[in-house]
Amino acid sequence: MVNDGRRNWALCSAIHKALESVEEGRGTDGDGMVGMRMLEIGSGSGLLSIFASKLSNIARLRVDACERDEVMQRVAEANIVSNRCPQGMVILIPHSHHHH
């Protein structure tokens, strides 16, 4: 899936569109962007979480990438570091029930 450029472009575009909508105040209750969070369940390599962190102009967006497989957790951690995601913007968690 990581090498599926067409799929990744479509997902990246959808994330960008959703973030733009929030940043412009559409789809929110008007309080906007303070402390906003995103949860990616089954993050695998962390690609979509990295896209979100890179595309967002939201000052305090927190992205929780949830991945159960320990090997993929290490891959995601390495990708998050190598893509220079802002400190604390992408948090890797092992299970979705740890998301709060």
C-alpha atoms as a PDB file:
ATOM      1  CA  MET A   1       0.000   0.000   0.000  1.00  0.00           C
ATOM      2  CA  VAL A   2       2.865   2.400   0.723  1.00  0.00           C
ATOM      3  CA  ASN A   3       3.945   2.128  -2.907  1.00  0.00           C
ATOM      4  CA  ASP A   4       0.436   2.778  -4.260  1.00  0.00           C
ATOM      5  CA  GLY A   5       0.954   6.390  -5.327  1.00  0.00           C
ATOM      6  CA  ARG A   6      -2.560   6.815  -6.714  1.00  0.00           C
ATOM      7  CA  ARG A   7      -4.183   5.619  -3.470  1.00  0.00           C
ATOM      8  CA  ASN A   8      -1.842   7.681  -1.308  1.00  0.00           C
ATOM      9  CA  TRP A   9      -2.441  10.818  -3.380  1.00  0.00           C
ATOM     10  CA  ALA A  10      -6.214  10.357  -3.033  1.00  0.00           C
ATOM     11  CA  LEU A  11      -5.952   9.836   0.747  1.00  0.00           C
ATOM     12  CA  CYS A  12      -3.576  12.780   1.114  1.00  0.00           C
ATOM     13  CA  SER A  13      -5.990  14.974  -0.850  1.00  0.00           C
ATOM     14  CA  ALA A  14      -8.920  13.864   1.332  1.00  0.00           C
ATOM     15  CA  ILE A  15      -6.966  14.626   4.528  1.00  0.00           C
ATOM     16  CA  HIS A  16      -5.976  18.028   3.149  1.00  0.00           C
ATOM     17  CA  LYS A  17      -9.572  18.835   2.226  1.00  0.00           C
ATOM     18  CA  ALA A  18     -10.838  17.811   5.680  1.00  0.00           C
ATOM     19  CA  LEU A  19      -8.173  19.890   7.432  1.00  0.00           C
ATOM     20  CA  GLU A  20      -8.902  22.903   5.212  1.00  0.00           C
ATOM     21  CA  SER A  21     -12.579  22.588   6.107  1.00  0.00           C
ATOM     22  CA  VAL A  22     -11.788  22.675   9.819  1.00  0.00           C
ATOM     23  CA  GLU A  23      -9.236  25.470   9.448  1.00  0.00           C
ATOM     24  CA  GLU A  24     -11.799  27.613   7.661  1.00  0.00           C
ATOM     25  CA  GLY A  25     -14.331  26.983  10.432  1.00  0.00           C
ATOM     26  CA  ARG A  26     -16.614  24.733   8.403  1.00  0.00           C
ATOM     27  CA  GLY A  27     -17.632  21.537  10.114  1.00  0.00           C
ATOM     28  CA  THR A  28     -16.811  22.863  13.576  1.00  0.00           C
ATOM     29  CA  ASP A  29     -18.872  24.525  16.248  1.00  0.00           C
ATOM     30  CA  GLY A  30     -16.915  27.710  15.689  1.00  0.00           C
ATOM     31  CA  ASP A  31     -14.263  27.256  18.363  1.00  0.00           C
ATOM     32  CA  GLY A  32     -12.008  26.106  15.561  1.00  0.00           C
ATOM     33  CA  MET A  33      -8.640  24.598  15.870  1.00  0.00           C
ATOM     34  CA  VAL A  34      -7.402  24.733  19.438  1.00  0.00           C
ATOM     35  CA  GLY A  35      -6.421  21.311  20.718  1.00  0.00           C
ATOM     36  CA  MET A  36      -7.763  19.381  17.724  1.00  0.00           C
ATOM     37  CA  ARG A  37      -7.021  15.637  17.503  1.00  0.00           C
ATOM     38  CA  MET A  38      -6.997  12.984  14.801  1.00  0.00           C
ATOM     39  CA  LEU A  39      -6.921   9.207  15.349  1.00  0.00           C
ATOM     40  CA  GLU A  40      -5.589   6.824  12.710  1.00  0.00           C
ATOM     41  CA  ILE A  41      -6.460   3.221  13.577  1.00  0.00           C
ATOM     42  CA  GLY A  42      -4.295   0.587  11.923  1.00  0.00           C
ATOM     43  CA  SER A  43      -1.635   3.103  10.986  1.00  0.00           C
ATOM     44  CA  GLY A  44       0.869   0.600   9.627  1.00  0.00           C
ATOM     45  CA  SER A  45       3.862   2.659   8.485  1.00  0.00           C
ATOM     46  CA  GLY A  46       2.310   5.872   9.825  1.00  0.00           C
ATOM     47  CA  LEU A  47       2.015   7.380   6.350  1.00  0.00           C
ATOM     48  CA  LEU A  48      -1.430   8.963   6.757  1.00  0.00           C
ATOM     49  CA  SER A  49      -0.581  10.381  10.181  1.00  0.00           C
ATOM     50  CA  ILE A  50       2.567  11.899   8.699  1.00  0.00           C
ATOM     51  CA  PHE A  51       0.502  13.376   5.834  1.00  0.00           C
ATOM     52  CA  ALA A  52      -1.882  14.952   8.341  1.00  0.00           C
ATOM     53  CA  SER A  53       0.898  16.420  10.454  1.00  0.00           C
ATOM     54  CA  LYS A  54       2.621  17.872   7.376  1.00  0.00           C
ATOM     55  CA  LEU A  55      -0.532  19.263   5.748  1.00  0.00           C
ATOM     56  CA  SER A  56      -2.029  20.886   8.781  1.00  0.00           C
ATOM     57  CA  ASN A  57      -1.767  24.570   9.576  1.00  0.00           C
ATOM     58  CA  ILE A  58      -3.510  23.838  12.841  1.00  0.00           C
ATOM     59  CA  ALA A  59      -1.170  25.021  15.551  1.00  0.00           C
ATOM     60  CA  ARG A  60      -2.007  22.312  18.036  1.00  0.00           C
ATOM     61  CA  LEU A  61      -3.172  19.318  16.013  1.00  0.00           C
ATOM     62  CA  ARG A  62      -2.354  16.051  17.756  1.00  0.00           C
ATOM     63  CA  VAL A  63      -2.350  12.918  15.636  1.00  0.00           C
ATOM     64  CA  ASP A  64      -2.577   9.544  17.405  1.00  0.00           C
ATOM     65  CA  ALA A  65      -1.362   6.705  15.188  1.00  0.00           C
ATOM     66  CA  CYS A  66      -2.662   3.385  16.509  1.00  0.00           C
ATOM     67  CA  GLU A  67      -0.842   0.207  15.463  1.00  0.00           C
ATOM     68  CA  ARG A  68      -0.899  -3.168  17.283  1.00  0.00           C
ATOM     69  CA  ASP A  69       1.882  -4.909  15.355  1.00  0.00           C
ATOM     70  CA  GLU A  70       5.193  -4.265  17.098  1.00  0.00           C
ATOM     71  CA  VAL A  71       7.244  -4.461  13.890  1.00  0.00           C
ATOM     72  CA  MET A  72       5.009  -1.886  12.198  1.00  0.00           C
ATOM     73  CA  GLN A  73       5.160   0.289  15.331  1.00  0.00           C
ATOM     74  CA  ARG A  74       8.941   0.457  14.921  1.00  0.00           C
ATOM     75  CA  VAL A  75       8.571   1.214  11.209  1.00  0.00           C
ATOM     76  CA  ALA A  76       6.075   3.990  11.978  1.00  0.00           C
ATOM     77  CA  GLU A  77       8.319   5.438  14.699  1.00  0.00           C
ATOM     78  CA  ALA A  78      11.259   5.530  12.277  1.00  0.00           C
ATOM     79  CA  ASN A  79       9.112   7.157   9.577  1.00  0.00           C
ATOM     80  CA  ILE A  80       7.786   9.789  11.990  1.00  0.00           C
ATOM     81  CA  VAL A  81      11.337  10.697  13.018  1.00  0.00           C
ATOM     82  CA  SER A  82      12.773  10.639   9.489  1.00  0.00           C
ATOM     83  CA  ASN A  83       9.934  12.850   8.212  1.00  0.00           C
ATOM     84  CA  ARG A  84      10.648  15.378  10.974  1.00  0.00           C
ATOM     85  CA  CYS A  85       7.134  15.529  12.328  1.00  0.00           C
ATOM     86  CA  PRO A  86       6.864  18.197  15.013  1.00  0.00           C
ATOM     87  CA  GLN A  87       7.553  16.935  18.538  1.00  0.00           C
ATOM     88  CA  GLY A  88       4.356  15.611  20.093  1.00  0.00           C
ATOM     89  CA  MET A  89       2.317  16.018  16.916  1.00  0.00           C
ATOM     90  CA  VAL A  90       2.247  12.299  16.081  1.00  0.00           C
ATOM     91  CA  ILE A  91       1.901   9.926  19.023  1.00  0.00           C
ATOM     92  CA  LEU A  92       2.120   6.166  18.437  1.00  0.00           C
ATOM     93  CA  ILE A  93      -0.224   4.131  20.634  1.00  0.00           C
ATOM     94  CA  PRO A  94      -0.619   0.334  20.642  1.00  0.00           C
ATOM     95  CA  HIS A  95      -4.429   0.090  20.923  1.00  0.00           C
ATOM     96  CA  SER A  96      -7.330   2.406  20.154  1.00  0.00           C
ATOM     97  CA  HIS A  97      -8.665   2.042  23.704  1.00  0.00           C
ATOM     98  CA  HIS A  98      -5.511   3.923  24.843  1.00  0.00           C
ATOM     99  CA  HIS A  99      -6.747   6.969  22.921  1.00  0.00           C
ATOM    100  CA  HIS A 100      -8.233   9.560  25.295  1.00  0.00           C
END
